C-alpha atoms as a PDB file:
ATOM      1  CA  MET A   1       0.000   0.000   0.000  1.00  0.00           C
ATOM      2  CA  LYS A   2       2.869   2.392   0.719  1.00  0.00           C
ATOM      3  CA  ASN A   3       4.149   2.050  -2.840  1.00  0.00           C
ATOM      4  CA  CYS A   4       0.677   2.734  -4.295  1.00  0.00           C
ATOM      5  CA  HIS A   5       0.257   5.846  -2.139  1.00  0.00           C
ATOM      6  CA  SER A   6       3.700   7.032  -3.233  1.00  0.00           C
ATOM      7  CA  CYS A   7       2.876   6.564  -6.934  1.00  0.00           C
ATOM      8  CA  PHE A   8      -0.438   8.349  -6.535  1.00  0.00           C
ATOM      9  CA  GLY A   9       1.287  11.264  -4.798  1.00  0.00           C
ATOM     10  CA  LYS A  10       3.835  11.631  -7.578  1.00  0.00           C
ATOM     11  CA  LEU A  11       1.134  11.465 -10.235  1.00  0.00           C
ATOM     12  CA  LEU A  12      -0.920  14.117  -8.451  1.00  0.00           C
ATOM     13  CA  PHE A  13       2.138  16.384  -8.241  1.00  0.00           C
ATOM     14  CA  VAL A  14       2.830  16.049 -11.986  1.00  0.00           C
ATOM     15  CA  VAL A  15      -0.800  16.816 -12.880  1.00  0.00           C
ATOM     16  CA  CYS A  16      -0.969  19.831 -10.568  1.00  0.00           C
ATOM     17  CA  PHE A  17       2.376  21.177 -11.817  1.00  0.00           C
ATOM     18  CA  SER A  18       1.314  20.794 -15.457  1.00  0.00           C
ATOM     19  CA  LEU A  19      -1.947  22.627 -14.839  1.00  0.00           C
ATOM     20  CA  THR A  20      -0.084  25.417 -13.070  1.00  0.00           C
ATOM     21  CA  VAL A  21       2.260  25.861 -16.023  1.00  0.00           C
ATOM     22  CA  ILE A  22      -0.545  25.835 -18.599  1.00  0.00           C
ATOM     23  CA  ILE A  23      -2.938  28.084 -16.690  1.00  0.00           C
ATOM     24  CA  GLY A  24      -0.278  30.415 -15.354  1.00  0.00           C
ATOM     25  CA  GLY A  25       1.388  31.369 -18.600  1.00  0.00           C
ATOM     26  CA  GLY A  26       1.083  28.892 -21.419  1.00  0.00           C
ATOM     27  CA  ILE A  27       3.139  25.833 -22.149  1.00  0.00           C
ATOM     28  CA  LEU A  28       6.607  26.074 -20.641  1.00  0.00           C
ATOM     29  CA  GLY A  29       9.171  27.133 -23.242  1.00  0.00           C
ATOM     30  CA  CYS A  30       6.586  28.682 -25.617  1.00  0.00           C
ATOM     31  CA  PRO A  31       6.727  32.476 -25.215  1.00  0.00           C
ATOM     32  CA  SER A  32       3.581  34.470 -25.909  1.00  0.00           C
ATOM     33  CA  GLU A  33       3.244  36.265 -29.250  1.00  0.00           C
ATOM     34  CA  LYS A  34       4.762  39.746 -29.198  1.00  0.00           C
ATOM     35  CA  LYS A  35       2.336  42.645 -29.424  1.00  0.00           C
ATOM     36  CA  TYR A  36       3.104  45.731 -31.504  1.00  0.00           C
ATOM     37  CA  ASP A  37       1.818  49.288 -31.183  1.00  0.00           C
ATOM     38  CA  ASN A  38       1.921  49.808 -34.967  1.00  0.00           C
ATOM     39  CA  PRO A  39       0.802  47.905 -38.071  1.00  0.00           C
ATOM     40  CA  VAL A  40       3.074  44.989 -38.914  1.00  0.00           C
ATOM     41  CA  VAL A  41       3.388  43.269 -42.282  1.00  0.00           C
ATOM     42  CA  ILE A  42       5.061  40.064 -43.423  1.00  0.00           C
ATOM     43  CA  ILE A  43       7.131  39.947 -46.611  1.00  0.00           C
ATOM     44  CA  GLN A  44       6.950  36.279 -47.592  1.00  0.00           C
ATOM     45  CA  THR A  45       9.898  34.865 -49.570  1.00  0.00           C
ATOM     46  CA  LYS A  46      11.246  31.402 -50.349  1.00  0.00           C
ATOM     47  CA  PHE A  47      14.063  32.086 -47.869  1.00  0.00           C
ATOM     48  CA  GLY A  48      11.649  32.868 -45.052  1.00  0.00           C
ATOM     49  CA  ASP A  49       9.513  35.704 -43.711  1.00  0.00           C
ATOM     50  CA  ILE A  50      10.568  39.295 -43.091  1.00  0.00           C
ATOM     51  CA  LYS A  51       8.449  40.964 -40.414  1.00  0.00           C
ATOM     52  CA  VAL A  52       8.263  44.753 -40.752  1.00  0.00           C
ATOM     53  CA  GLU A  53       6.753  47.248 -38.312  1.00  0.00           C
ATOM     54  CA  LEU A  54       5.372  50.381 -40.005  1.00  0.00           C
ATOM     55  CA  TYR A  55       5.231  53.875 -38.482  1.00  0.00           C
ATOM     56  CA  PRO A  56       1.962  55.572 -39.529  1.00  0.00           C
ATOM     57  CA  GLU A  57       2.238  58.354 -36.962  1.00  0.00           C
ATOM     58  CA  LYS A  58       5.610  59.414 -38.378  1.00  0.00           C
ATOM     59  CA  ALA A  59       5.077  58.703 -42.101  1.00  0.00           C
ATOM     60  CA  PRO A  60       1.273  58.596 -42.544  1.00  0.00           C
ATOM     61  CA  LEU A  61       1.088  59.108 -46.307  1.00  0.00           C
ATOM     62  CA  THR A  62       3.729  56.520 -47.152  1.00  0.00           C
ATOM     63  CA  VAL A  63       2.364  53.896 -44.753  1.00  0.00           C
ATOM     64  CA  ALA A  64      -1.215  54.422 -45.974  1.00  0.00           C
ATOM     65  CA  ALA A  65      -0.161  53.918 -49.600  1.00  0.00           C
ATOM     66  CA  PHE A  66       1.933  50.837 -48.793  1.00  0.00           C
ATOM     67  CA  LEU A  67      -0.908  49.211 -46.836  1.00  0.00           C
ATOM     68  CA  GLN A  68      -3.350  50.000 -49.642  1.00  0.00           C
ATOM     69  CA  HIS A  69      -1.082  48.204 -52.115  1.00  0.00           C
ATOM     70  CA  ILE A  70      -0.916  45.213 -49.748  1.00  0.00           C
ATOM     71  CA  ASP A  71      -4.691  45.098 -49.277  1.00  0.00           C
ATOM     72  CA  SER A  72      -5.172  45.303 -53.053  1.00  0.00           C
ATOM     73  CA  GLY A  73      -2.911  42.270 -53.570  1.00  0.00           C
ATOM     74  CA  TYR A  74      -0.431  44.137 -55.757  1.00  0.00           C
ATOM     75  CA  PHE A  75       2.624  42.588 -54.112  1.00  0.00           C
ATOM     76  CA  LYS A  76       1.584  38.978 -54.701  1.00  0.00           C
ATOM     77  CA  ASN A  77       4.080  37.139 -56.930  1.00  0.00           C
ATOM     78  CA  THR A  78       6.457  40.082 -57.231  1.00  0.00           C
ATOM     79  CA  SER A  79      10.170  40.174 -56.421  1.00  0.00           C
ATOM     80  CA  PHE A  80      13.319  41.642 -55.007  1.00  0.00           C
ATOM     81  CA  TYR A  81      15.213  42.461 -58.181  1.00  0.00           C
ATOM     82  CA  ARG A  82      18.020  44.890 -57.287  1.00  0.00           C
ATOM     83  CA  VAL A  83      20.951  44.629 -54.889  1.00  0.00           C
ATOM     84  CA  LEU A  84      23.740  47.005 -53.896  1.00  0.00           C
ATOM     85  CA  ARG A  85      26.900  45.723 -52.212  1.00  0.00           C
ATOM     86  CA  ASP A  86      30.666  46.201 -52.375  1.00  0.00           C
ATOM     87  CA  ASP A  87      31.327  44.042 -55.428  1.00  0.00           C
ATOM     88  CA  ASN A  88      28.885  45.763 -57.803  1.00  0.00           C
ATOM     89  CA  GLN A  89      29.449  49.482 -57.242  1.00  0.00           C
ATOM     90  CA  VAL A  90      31.884  51.979 -58.709  1.00  0.00           C
ATOM     91  CA  THR A  91      35.206  52.238 -56.904  1.00  0.00           C
ATOM     92  CA  GLY A  92      35.709  55.629 -55.278  1.00  0.00           C
ATOM     93  CA  ALA A  93      32.003  56.514 -55.101  1.00  0.00           C
ATOM     94  CA  PRO A  94      29.907  56.242 -51.905  1.00  0.00           C
ATOM     95  CA  HIS A  95      28.733  52.647 -51.547  1.00  0.00           C
ATOM     96  CA  SER A  96      25.269  51.570 -50.373  1.00  0.00           C
ATOM     97  CA  TYR A  97      24.002  48.226 -49.111  1.00  0.00           C
ATOM     98  CA  LEU A  98      20.391  47.288 -49.769  1.00  0.00           C
ATOM     99  CA  ILE A  99      17.888  45.042 -51.484  1.00  0.00           C
ATOM    100  CA  GLN A 100      15.139  46.616 -53.597  1.00  0.00           C
ATOM    101  CA  GLY A 101      11.804  45.116 -54.575  1.00  0.00           C
ATOM    102  CA  GLY A 102       8.245  45.769 -55.661  1.00  0.00           C
ATOM    103  CA  VAL A 103       6.081  45.197 -58.712  1.00  0.00           C
ATOM    104  CA  TRP A 104       8.366  46.659 -61.388  1.00  0.00           C
ATOM    105  CA  GLN A 105      10.251  43.510 -62.431  1.00  0.00           C
ATOM    106  CA  ALA A 106       7.279  41.136 -62.254  1.00  0.00           C
ATOM    107  CA  ASN A 107       4.621  43.448 -63.698  1.00  0.00           C
ATOM    108  CA  PRO A 108       6.095  46.662 -65.139  1.00  0.00           C
ATOM    109  CA  GLY A 109       2.816  47.552 -66.858  1.00  0.00           C
ATOM    110  CA  SER A 110       1.061  47.962 -63.528  1.00  0.00           C
ATOM    111  CA  LYS A 111       2.701  51.346 -62.912  1.00  0.00           C
ATOM    112  CA  GLU A 112      -0.448  53.094 -64.114  1.00  0.00           C
ATOM    113  CA  LYS A 113      -2.364  51.697 -61.113  1.00  0.00           C
ATOM    114  CA  PHE A 114      -0.363  53.634 -58.571  1.00  0.00           C
ATOM    115  CA  ARG A 115      -0.710  57.212 -57.445  1.00  0.00           C
ATOM    116  CA  LEU A 116       2.389  59.219 -56.653  1.00  0.00           C
ATOM    117  CA  ILE A 117       3.097  59.394 -52.921  1.00  0.00           C
ATOM    118  CA  PRO A 118       3.926  62.846 -51.518  1.00  0.00           C
ATOM    119  CA  HIS A 119       7.483  62.827 -50.225  1.00  0.00           C
ATOM    120  CA  GLU A 120       7.940  62.472 -46.460  1.00  0.00           C
ATOM    121  CA  PRO A 121      11.624  63.247 -45.781  1.00  0.00           C
ATOM    122  CA  THR A 122      13.519  62.065 -42.744  1.00  0.00           C
ATOM    123  CA  SER A 123      13.726  65.683 -41.542  1.00  0.00           C
ATOM    124  CA  LYS A 124       9.966  65.465 -40.881  1.00  0.00           C
ATOM    125  CA  THR A 125       9.549  61.810 -39.901  1.00  0.00           C
ATOM    126  CA  GLY A 126      12.695  61.358 -37.823  1.00  0.00           C
ATOM    127  CA  ILE A 127      13.094  57.826 -39.238  1.00  0.00           C
ATOM    128  CA  LEU A 128      16.751  57.600 -40.193  1.00  0.00           C
ATOM    129  CA  HIS A 129      18.110  55.047 -42.644  1.00  0.00           C
ATOM    130  CA  THR A 130      19.758  52.568 -40.298  1.00  0.00           C
ATOM    131  CA  ARG A 131      20.143  48.814 -40.774  1.00  0.00           C
ATOM    132  CA  GLY A 132      16.736  47.183 -41.262  1.00  0.00           C
ATOM    133  CA  ILE A 133      14.860  50.340 -42.279  1.00  0.00           C
ATOM    134  CA  ILE A 134      12.382  50.028 -45.164  1.00  0.00           C
ATOM    135  CA  SER A 135      12.075  53.038 -47.449  1.00  0.00           C
ATOM    136  CA  MET A 136      10.518  54.046 -50.763  1.00  0.00           C
ATOM    137  CA  ALA A 137      12.530  54.116 -53.977  1.00  0.00           C
ATOM    138  CA  ARG A 138      11.973  57.156 -56.189  1.00  0.00           C
ATOM    139  CA  ASN A 139      13.335  59.371 -58.944  1.00  0.00           C
ATOM    140  CA  GLU A 140      12.378  62.944 -58.050  1.00  0.00           C
ATOM    141  CA  PRO A 141      10.820  63.783 -54.654  1.00  0.00           C
ATOM    142  CA  GLY A 142       7.144  62.870 -54.693  1.00  0.00           C
ATOM    143  CA  THR A 143       7.431  60.236 -57.439  1.00  0.00           C
ATOM    144  CA  ALA A 144       7.497  57.110 -55.229  1.00  0.00           C
ATOM    145  CA  THR A 145       4.750  54.571 -55.964  1.00  0.00           C
ATOM    146  CA  SER A 146       5.267  50.853 -55.298  1.00  0.00           C
ATOM    147  CA  GLU A 147       9.012  50.171 -55.193  1.00  0.00           C
ATOM    148  CA  PHE A 148      10.815  49.908 -51.866  1.00  0.00           C
ATOM    149  CA  PHE A 149      14.167  48.923 -50.412  1.00  0.00           C
ATOM    150  CA  ILE A 150      15.532  47.555 -47.147  1.00  0.00           C
ATOM    151  CA  CYS A 151      18.825  48.876 -45.756  1.00  0.00           C
ATOM    152  CA  VAL A 152      21.388  46.171 -45.004  1.00  0.00           C
ATOM    153  CA  GLU A 153      23.733  48.674 -43.342  1.00  0.00           C
ATOM    154  CA  ASP A 154      23.351  52.180 -41.902  1.00  0.00           C
ATOM    155  CA  GLU A 155      22.820  54.578 -44.814  1.00  0.00           C
ATOM    156  CA  PRO A 156      23.065  58.235 -43.657  1.00  0.00           C
ATOM    157  CA  GLY A 157      23.444  59.281 -47.284  1.00  0.00           C
ATOM    158  CA  PHE A 158      19.782  58.379 -47.803  1.00  0.00           C
ATOM    159  CA  ASP A 159      18.590  60.805 -45.122  1.00  0.00           C
ATOM    160  CA  TYR A 160      17.535  64.404 -45.722  1.00  0.00           C
ATOM    161  CA  GLY A 161      20.655  66.354 -46.671  1.00  0.00           C
ATOM    162  CA  GLY A 162      22.553  63.154 -47.460  1.00  0.00           C
ATOM    163  CA  VAL A 163      24.993  62.752 -50.339  1.00  0.00           C
ATOM    164  CA  ASN A 164      23.103  60.009 -52.218  1.00  0.00           C
ATOM    165  CA  ASN A 165      20.507  62.332 -53.787  1.00  0.00           C
ATOM    166  CA  HIS A 166      21.365  65.338 -55.915  1.00  0.00           C
ATOM    167  CA  ASP A 167      18.283  67.117 -54.558  1.00  0.00           C
ATOM    168  CA  GLY A 168      19.272  66.584 -50.912  1.00  0.00           C
ATOM    169  CA  GLN A 169      15.758  65.433 -49.981  1.00  0.00           C
ATOM    170  CA  GLY A 170      16.693  61.834 -49.189  1.00  0.00           C
ATOM    171  CA  TYR A 171      14.270  58.915 -49.311  1.00  0.00           C
ATOM    172  CA  ALA A 172      11.020  58.338 -47.414  1.00  0.00           C
ATOM    173  CA  ALA A 173      11.660  55.786 -44.664  1.00  0.00           C
ATOM    174  CA  PHE A 174       8.487  54.391 -43.145  1.00  0.00           C
ATOM    175  CA  GLY A 175       9.197  51.239 -41.105  1.00  0.00           C
ATOM    176  CA  LYS A 176      11.773  48.763 -39.839  1.00  0.00           C
ATOM    177  CA  VAL A 177      12.426  45.029 -39.935  1.00  0.00           C
ATOM    178  CA  VAL A 178      11.704  43.607 -36.474  1.00  0.00           C
ATOM    179  CA  GLU A 179      12.249  39.933 -37.356  1.00  0.00           C
ATOM    180  CA  GLY A 180      13.951  38.275 -40.302  1.00  0.00           C
ATOM    181  CA  MET A 181      17.098  40.331 -40.916  1.00  0.00           C
ATOM    182  CA  ASN A 182      18.824  36.979 -41.406  1.00  0.00           C
ATOM    183  CA  VAL A 183      16.504  36.512 -44.396  1.00  0.00           C
ATOM    184  CA  VAL A 184      17.375  39.995 -45.691  1.00  0.00           C
ATOM    185  CA  ASP A 185      21.083  39.182 -45.363  1.00  0.00           C
ATOM    186  CA  ARG A 186      20.632  35.894 -47.213  1.00  0.00           C
ATOM    187  CA  ILE A 187      18.782  37.608 -50.059  1.00  0.00           C
ATOM    188  CA  HIS A 188      21.533  40.242 -50.161  1.00  0.00           C
ATOM    189  CA  ARG A 189      24.075  37.495 -50.885  1.00  0.00           C
ATOM    190  CA  GLN A 190      22.214  35.966 -53.835  1.00  0.00           C
ATOM    191  CA  PRO A 191      23.782  35.884 -57.337  1.00  0.00           C
ATOM    192  CA  GLU A 192      23.557  39.115 -59.306  1.00  0.00           C
ATOM    193  CA  ASN A 193      24.708  40.790 -62.489  1.00  0.00           C
ATOM    194  CA  GLU A 194      25.132  44.569 -62.703  1.00  0.00           C
ATOM    195  CA  GLN A 195      23.054  45.107 -59.550  1.00  0.00           C
ATOM    196  CA  ARG A 196      20.215  42.828 -60.732  1.00  0.00           C
ATOM    197  CA  PHE A 197      19.455  39.546 -58.987  1.00  0.00           C
ATOM    198  CA  ILE A 198      19.869  36.598 -61.375  1.00  0.00           C
ATOM    199  CA  PRO A 199      17.175  35.342 -61.071  1.00  0.00           C
ATOM    200  CA  PRO A 200      15.001  37.841 -59.148  1.00  0.00           C
ATOM    201  CA  VAL A 201      14.163  36.707 -55.616  1.00  0.00           C
ATOM    202  CA  ALA A 202      10.450  35.970 -55.503  1.00  0.00           C
ATOM    203  CA  ILE A 203       8.194  37.837 -53.101  1.00  0.00           C
ATOM    204  CA  LEU A 204       5.368  35.343 -52.664  1.00  0.00           C
ATOM    205  CA  ASN A 205       3.182  38.006 -51.070  1.00  0.00           C
ATOM    206  CA  ILE A 206       3.139  40.814 -48.530  1.00  0.00           C
ATOM    207  CA  VAL A 207       0.361  40.485 -45.955  1.00  0.00           C
ATOM    208  CA  ARG A 208      -0.745  42.239 -42.800  1.00  0.00           C
ATOM    209  CA  TYR A 209       0.400  40.586 -39.594  1.00  0.00           C
ATOM    210  CA  SER A 210      -1.430  42.665 -37.011  1.00  0.00           C
ATOM    211  CA  SER A 211      -2.901  46.047 -36.243  1.00  0.00           C
ATOM    212  CA  LYS A 212      -2.379  47.997 -33.040  1.00  0.00           C
ATOM    213  CA  ALA A 213      -1.959  45.960 -29.891  1.00  0.00           C
ATOM    214  CA  PRO A 214      -4.927  45.971 -27.469  1.00  0.00           C
ATOM    215  CA  GLN A 215      -4.804  48.814 -24.973  1.00  0.00           C
END
C-alpha cells in the first residue's frame, strides 16, 4: 500500500504542476506572441519571412499607400530584383548596401495603377536610414509609388541632406524590420549581375500581420 500511495502522490504532483504551467502562462518554453503598437506586415519569400513594423504616426502618407497596395494584392508574386553591395558598385564613389523590390520587375505595366506618394523626408519623420529600415525608392521627390528597399547597413546618405541624392531630400523611410534580418542578409548574398538579382528573388506576397496591440 505504501508504494501505491507514493505513486499516486507523484502522479498528483505532476498533474498539478502541469496545470499550473498551462494556466499560469502557457506551455513552458513557448513564449507568448509579441504585441506591436503599430501595423506589422510580413514579406513572404522562399528564404523565409521578413516581419516589418510600419510607423503611420511618423510617415502617414507613405504607410497608408503601402498598406493599400498590400490590401489590393499588388505585391503577390512580385520580387526583389536589385541589390547594392561592395562588389557591384563603382570604386571611389559612396557605396550603399540594400535590397530593392516591388512590382516593377514582375509586372512593369502595372505602374499606371499607382498614385504618386507625396514625399515624407527624414527631416519630418525622424526615421533615419539605419540597418533594417524600409524606405521608398523614387526618382524625383514625390514620385514614389510601389518600389521599396531595405537597408542592409546604416545609410546616412539616404537621409535628408545626405549625399546620395542630388536634390538633398533623401528617401522616405516608413518602417523597420523587427524579425527576419537573417533573411534579408541571405537575399543580399544571392547571385547578381550589374546590380540585378539573377534570377530575381520571388516575393510570394506581402500580408498584414497585425494592427495595433490591445490597450
